[in-house]
Amino acid sequence: TVLRVLYLVFNEGYSGDVDLAAEA
């Protein structure tokens, strides 16, 4: 479950308007 969360956070940081990729 934690992996699924980290994956979605990274995707939002990678393609969205909130930079979360490095944190993920």
PDB file of all heavy atoms in Angstrom:
ATOM      1  N   THR A   1       0.823  -1.201   0.000  1.00  0.00           N
ATOM      2  CA  THR A   1       0.000   0.000   0.000  1.00  0.00           C
ATOM      3  C   THR A   1       0.859   1.254   0.000  1.00  0.00           C
ATOM      4  O   THR A   1       0.568   2.232  -0.702  1.00  0.00           O
ATOM      5  CB  THR A   1      -0.939   0.006   1.217  1.00  0.00           C
ATOM      6  OG1 THR A   1      -1.748  -1.171   1.188  1.00  0.00           O
ATOM      7  CG2 THR A   1      -1.834   1.228   1.202  1.00  0.00           C
ATOM      8  N   VAL A   2       1.926   1.251   0.782  1.00  0.00           N
ATOM      9  CA  VAL A   2       2.832   2.409   0.822  1.00  0.00           C
ATOM     10  C   VAL A   2       3.468   2.625  -0.545  1.00  0.00           C
ATOM     11  O   VAL A   2       3.621   3.769  -1.002  1.00  0.00           O
ATOM     12  CB  VAL A   2       3.906   2.217   1.911  1.00  0.00           C
ATOM     13  CG1 VAL A   2       4.937   3.343   1.854  1.00  0.00           C
ATOM     14  CG2 VAL A   2       3.251   2.182   3.288  1.00  0.00           C
ATOM     15  N   LEU A   3       3.829   1.555  -1.228  1.00  0.00           N
ATOM     16  CA  LEU A   3       4.387   1.682  -2.569  1.00  0.00           C
ATOM     17  C   LEU A   3       3.388   2.330  -3.522  1.00  0.00           C
ATOM     18  O   LEU A   3       3.757   3.175  -4.347  1.00  0.00           O
ATOM     19  CB  LEU A   3       4.782   0.305  -3.117  1.00  0.00           C
ATOM     20  CG  LEU A   3       6.047  -0.330  -2.542  1.00  0.00           C
ATOM     21  CD1 LEU A   3       6.263  -1.698  -3.175  1.00  0.00           C
ATOM     22  CD2 LEU A   3       7.253   0.548  -2.776  1.00  0.00           C
ATOM     23  N   ARG A   4       2.132   1.943  -3.427  1.00  0.00           N
ATOM     24  CA  ARG A   4       1.106   2.527  -4.294  1.00  0.00           C
ATOM     25  C   ARG A   4       1.005   4.031  -4.054  1.00  0.00           C
ATOM     26  O   ARG A   4       0.870   4.821  -4.996  1.00  0.00           O
ATOM     27  CB  ARG A   4      -0.229   1.844  -4.018  1.00  0.00           C
ATOM     28  CG  ARG A   4      -1.405   2.374  -4.802  1.00  0.00           C
ATOM     29  CD  ARG A   4      -1.248   2.173  -6.285  1.00  0.00           C
ATOM     30  NE  ARG A   4      -0.931   0.793  -6.627  1.00  0.00           N
ATOM     31  CZ  ARG A   4      -0.505   0.390  -7.803  1.00  0.00           C
ATOM     32  NH1 ARG A   4      -0.314   1.271  -8.762  1.00  0.00           N
ATOM     33  NH2 ARG A   4      -0.227  -0.878  -8.037  1.00  0.00           N
ATOM     34  N   VAL A   5       1.080   4.434  -2.797  1.00  0.00           N
ATOM     35  CA  VAL A   5       1.022   5.862  -2.475  1.00  0.00           C
ATOM     36  C   VAL A   5       2.222   6.594  -3.060  1.00  0.00           C
ATOM     37  O   VAL A   5       2.089   7.636  -3.708  1.00  0.00           O
ATOM     38  CB  VAL A   5       0.972   6.070  -0.949  1.00  0.00           C
ATOM     39  CG1 VAL A   5       1.012   7.560  -0.613  1.00  0.00           C
ATOM     40  CG2 VAL A   5      -0.282   5.453  -0.365  1.00  0.00           C
ATOM     41  N   LEU A   6       3.407   6.054  -2.834  1.00  0.00           N
ATOM     42  CA  LEU A   6       4.619   6.700  -3.334  1.00  0.00           C
ATOM     43  C   LEU A   6       4.588   6.803  -4.858  1.00  0.00           C
ATOM     44  O   LEU A   6       5.021   7.811  -5.435  1.00  0.00           O
ATOM     45  CB  LEU A   6       5.853   5.912  -2.882  1.00  0.00           C
ATOM     46  CG  LEU A   6       6.182   6.017  -1.391  1.00  0.00           C
ATOM     47  CD1 LEU A   6       7.244   4.996  -1.008  1.00  0.00           C
ATOM     48  CD2 LEU A   6       6.662   7.419  -1.037  1.00  0.00           C
ATOM     49  N   TYR A   7       4.072   5.785  -5.512  1.00  0.00           N
ATOM     50  CA  TYR A   7       3.970   5.781  -6.980  1.00  0.00           C
ATOM     51  C   TYR A   7       3.064   6.915  -7.464  1.00  0.00           C
ATOM     52  O   TYR A   7       3.404   7.657  -8.388  1.00  0.00           O
ATOM     53  CB  TYR A   7       3.422   4.423  -7.426  1.00  0.00           C
ATOM     54  CG  TYR A   7       3.140   4.286  -8.899  1.00  0.00           C
ATOM     55  CD1 TYR A   7       4.164   4.323  -9.834  1.00  0.00           C
ATOM     56  CD2 TYR A   7       1.834   4.089  -9.346  1.00  0.00           C
ATOM     57  CE1 TYR A   7       3.897   4.179 -11.193  1.00  0.00           C
ATOM     58  CE2 TYR A   7       1.555   3.938 -10.702  1.00  0.00           C
ATOM     59  CZ  TYR A   7       2.594   3.985 -11.621  1.00  0.00           C
ATOM     60  OH  TYR A   7       2.337   3.844 -12.955  1.00  0.00           O
ATOM     61  N   LEU A   8       1.911   7.066  -6.816  1.00  0.00           N
ATOM     62  CA  LEU A   8       0.986   8.111  -7.226  1.00  0.00           C
ATOM     63  C   LEU A   8       1.526   9.505  -6.905  1.00  0.00           C
ATOM     64  O   LEU A   8       1.333  10.446  -7.671  1.00  0.00           O
ATOM     65  CB  LEU A   8      -0.374   7.903  -6.556  1.00  0.00           C
ATOM     66  CG  LEU A   8      -1.168   6.696  -7.052  1.00  0.00           C
ATOM     67  CD1 LEU A   8      -2.419   6.492  -6.223  1.00  0.00           C
ATOM     68  CD2 LEU A   8      -1.540   6.864  -8.516  1.00  0.00           C
ATOM     69  N   VAL A   9       2.206   9.640  -5.769  1.00  0.00           N
ATOM     70  CA  VAL A   9       2.820  10.934  -5.432  1.00  0.00           C
ATOM     71  C   VAL A   9       3.875  11.295  -6.469  1.00  0.00           C
ATOM     72  O   VAL A   9       3.948  12.437  -6.943  1.00  0.00           O
ATOM     73  CB  VAL A   9       3.432  10.895  -4.017  1.00  0.00           C
ATOM     74  CG1 VAL A   9       4.276  12.138  -3.757  1.00  0.00           C
ATOM     75  CG2 VAL A   9       2.334  10.793  -2.970  1.00  0.00           C
ATOM     76  N   PHE A  10       4.698  10.326  -6.847  1.00  0.00           N
ATOM     77  CA  PHE A  10       5.729  10.592  -7.861  1.00  0.00           C
ATOM     78  C   PHE A  10       5.097  10.984  -9.189  1.00  0.00           C
ATOM     79  O   PHE A  10       5.543  11.928  -9.845  1.00  0.00           O
ATOM     80  CB  PHE A  10       6.595   9.353  -8.065  1.00  0.00           C
ATOM     81  CG  PHE A  10       7.616   9.517  -9.163  1.00  0.00           C
ATOM     82  CD1 PHE A  10       8.806  10.175  -8.919  1.00  0.00           C
ATOM     83  CD2 PHE A  10       7.378   9.034 -10.436  1.00  0.00           C
ATOM     84  CE1 PHE A  10       9.751  10.351  -9.931  1.00  0.00           C
ATOM     85  CE2 PHE A  10       8.303   9.197 -11.455  1.00  0.00           C
ATOM     86  CZ  PHE A  10       9.506   9.858 -11.200  1.00  0.00           C
ATOM     87  N   ASN A  11       4.053  10.279  -9.592  1.00  0.00           N
ATOM     88  CA  ASN A  11       3.397  10.606 -10.853  1.00  0.00           C
ATOM     89  C   ASN A  11       2.841  12.009 -10.851  1.00  0.00           C
ATOM     90  O   ASN A  11       2.917  12.730 -11.851  1.00  0.00           O
ATOM     91  CB  ASN A  11       2.273   9.607 -11.141  1.00  0.00           C
ATOM     92  CG  ASN A  11       2.798   8.314 -11.722  1.00  0.00           C
ATOM     93  OD1 ASN A  11       3.935   8.244 -12.162  1.00  0.00           O
ATOM     94  ND2 ASN A  11       1.977   7.285 -11.700  1.00  0.00           N
ATOM     95  N   GLU A  12       2.267  12.441  -9.735  1.00  0.00           N
ATOM     96  CA  GLU A  12       1.731  13.803  -9.667  1.00  0.00           C
ATOM     97  C   GLU A  12       2.869  14.814  -9.727  1.00  0.00           C
ATOM     98  O   GLU A  12       2.767  15.845 -10.377  1.00  0.00           O
ATOM     99  CB  GLU A  12       0.923  13.996  -8.382  1.00  0.00           C
ATOM    100  CG  GLU A  12       0.184  15.308  -8.324  1.00  0.00           C
ATOM    101  CD  GLU A  12      -0.803  15.466  -9.469  1.00  0.00           C
ATOM    102  OE1 GLU A  12      -1.519  14.499  -9.793  1.00  0.00           O
ATOM    103  OE2 GLU A  12      -0.846  16.567 -10.049  1.00  0.00           O
ATOM    104  N   GLY A  13       3.977  14.489  -9.056  1.00  0.00           N
ATOM    105  CA  GLY A  13       5.123  15.391  -9.092  1.00  0.00           C
ATOM    106  C   GLY A  13       5.785  15.436 -10.441  1.00  0.00           C
ATOM    107  O   GLY A  13       6.354  16.456 -10.846  1.00  0.00           O
ATOM    108  N   TYR A  14       5.713  14.328 -11.183  1.00  0.00           N
ATOM    109  CA  TYR A  14       6.382  14.221 -12.479  1.00  0.00           C
ATOM    110  C   TYR A  14       5.596  14.909 -13.576  1.00  0.00           C
ATOM    111  O   TYR A  14       6.165  15.521 -14.468  1.00  0.00           O
ATOM    112  CB  TYR A  14       6.556  12.740 -12.822  1.00  0.00           C
ATOM    113  CG  TYR A  14       7.367  12.469 -14.068  1.00  0.00           C
ATOM    114  CD1 TYR A  14       8.726  12.763 -14.115  1.00  0.00           C
ATOM    115  CD2 TYR A  14       6.772  11.901 -15.184  1.00  0.00           C
ATOM    116  CE1 TYR A  14       9.469  12.502 -15.250  1.00  0.00           C
ATOM    117  CE2 TYR A  14       7.512  11.627 -16.317  1.00  0.00           C
ATOM    118  CZ  TYR A  14       8.861  11.927 -16.340  1.00  0.00           C
ATOM    119  OH  TYR A  14       9.595  11.665 -17.466  1.00  0.00           O
ATOM    120  N   SER A  15       4.246  14.828 -13.492  1.00  0.00           N
ATOM    121  CA  SER A  15       3.447  15.338 -14.602  1.00  0.00           C
ATOM    122  C   SER A  15       2.484  16.443 -14.207  1.00  0.00           C
ATOM    123  O   SER A  15       1.878  17.055 -15.066  1.00  0.00           O
ATOM    124  CB  SER A  15       2.644  14.195 -15.234  1.00  0.00           C
ATOM    125  OG  SER A  15       1.774  13.634 -14.275  1.00  0.00           O
ATOM    126  N   GLY A  16       2.309  16.704 -12.928  1.00  0.00           N
ATOM    127  CA  GLY A  16       1.314  17.672 -12.516  1.00  0.00           C
ATOM    128  C   GLY A  16       1.898  19.014 -12.138  1.00  0.00           C
ATOM    129  O   GLY A  16       3.008  19.371 -12.511  1.00  0.00           O
ATOM    130  N   ASP A  17       1.095  19.764 -11.370  1.00  0.00           N
ATOM    131  CA  ASP A  17       1.508  21.117 -11.019  1.00  0.00           C
ATOM    132  C   ASP A  17       2.057  21.205  -9.597  1.00  0.00           C
ATOM    133  O   ASP A  17       2.271  22.289  -9.076  1.00  0.00           O
ATOM    134  CB  ASP A  17       0.334  22.079 -11.179  1.00  0.00           C
ATOM    135  CG  ASP A  17      -0.870  21.663 -10.342  1.00  0.00           C
ATOM    136  OD1 ASP A  17      -0.764  20.641  -9.638  1.00  0.00           O
ATOM    137  OD2 ASP A  17      -1.896  22.350 -10.392  1.00  0.00           O
ATOM    138  N   VAL A  18       2.279  20.086  -8.955  1.00  0.00           N
ATOM    139  CA  VAL A  18       2.876  20.049  -7.620  1.00  0.00           C
ATOM    140  C   VAL A  18       4.154  19.224  -7.703  1.00  0.00           C
ATOM    141  O   VAL A  18       4.126  18.070  -8.097  1.00  0.00           O
ATOM    142  CB  VAL A  18       1.913  19.416  -6.590  1.00  0.00           C
ATOM    143  CG1 VAL A  18       2.565  19.396  -5.225  1.00  0.00           C
ATOM    144  CG2 VAL A  18       0.600  20.171  -6.555  1.00  0.00           C
ATOM    145  N   ASP A  19       5.281  19.816  -7.332  1.00  0.00           N
ATOM    146  CA  ASP A  19       6.561  19.140  -7.522  1.00  0.00           C
ATOM    147  C   ASP A  19       6.852  18.221  -6.335  1.00  0.00           C
ATOM    148  O   ASP A  19       7.349  18.650  -5.305  1.00  0.00           O
ATOM    149  CB  ASP A  19       7.677  20.177  -7.680  1.00  0.00           C
ATOM    150  CG  ASP A  19       9.000  19.530  -8.068  1.00  0.00           C
ATOM    151  OD1 ASP A  19       9.033  18.294  -8.198  1.00  0.00           O
ATOM    152  OD2 ASP A  19       9.987  20.252  -8.234  1.00  0.00           O
ATOM    153  N   LEU A  20       6.515  16.971  -6.495  1.00  0.00           N
ATOM    154  CA  LEU A  20       6.697  15.989  -5.426  1.00  0.00           C
ATOM    155  C   LEU A  20       7.632  14.859  -5.830  1.00  0.00           C
ATOM    156  O   LEU A  20       7.850  13.943  -5.051  1.00  0.00           O
ATOM    157  CB  LEU A  20       5.336  15.388  -5.029  1.00  0.00           C
ATOM    158  CG  LEU A  20       4.312  16.330  -4.408  1.00  0.00           C
ATOM    159  CD1 LEU A  20       2.969  15.636  -4.307  1.00  0.00           C
ATOM    160  CD2 LEU A  20       4.764  16.807  -3.043  1.00  0.00           C
ATOM    161  N   ALA A  21       8.171  14.904  -7.045  1.00  0.00           N
ATOM    162  CA  ALA A  21       8.935  13.768  -7.555  1.00  0.00           C
ATOM    163  C   ALA A  21      10.170  13.482  -6.713  1.00  0.00           C
ATOM    164  O   ALA A  21      10.442  12.329  -6.348  1.00  0.00           O
ATOM    165  CB  ALA A  21       9.329  14.015  -9.008  1.00  0.00           C
ATOM    166  N   ALA A  22      10.959  14.510  -6.402  1.00  0.00           N
ATOM    167  CA  ALA A  22      12.185  14.298  -5.635  1.00  0.00           C
ATOM    168  C   ALA A  22      11.878  13.771  -4.239  1.00  0.00           C
ATOM    169  O   ALA A  22      12.594  12.921  -3.706  1.00  0.00           O
ATOM    170  CB  ALA A  22      12.987  15.600  -5.546  1.00  0.00           C
ATOM    171  N   GLU A  23      10.782  14.264  -3.639  1.00  0.00           N
ATOM    172  CA  GLU A  23      10.403  13.786  -2.310  1.00  0.00           C
ATOM    173  C   GLU A  23      10.009  12.316  -2.361  1.00  0.00           C
ATOM    174  O   GLU A  23      10.365  11.529  -1.476  1.00  0.00           O
ATOM    175  CB  GLU A  23       9.246  14.639  -1.771  1.00  0.00           C
ATOM    176  CG  GLU A  23       8.622  14.140  -0.468  1.00  0.00           C
ATOM    177  CD  GLU A  23       9.502  14.366   0.754  1.00  0.00           C
ATOM    178  OE1 GLU A  23      10.670  14.761   0.603  1.00  0.00           O
ATOM    179  OE2 GLU A  23       9.011  14.127   1.870  1.00  0.00           O
ATOM    180  N   ALA A  24       9.280  11.918  -3.399  1.00  0.00           N
ATOM    181  CA  ALA A  24       8.886  10.513  -3.535  1.00  0.00           C
ATOM    182  C   ALA A  24      10.113   9.623  -3.706  1.00  0.00           C
ATOM    183  O   ALA A  24      10.190   8.527  -3.130  1.00  0.00           O
ATOM    184  CB  ALA A  24       7.938  10.343  -4.723  1.00  0.00           C
TER     185      ALA A  24
END
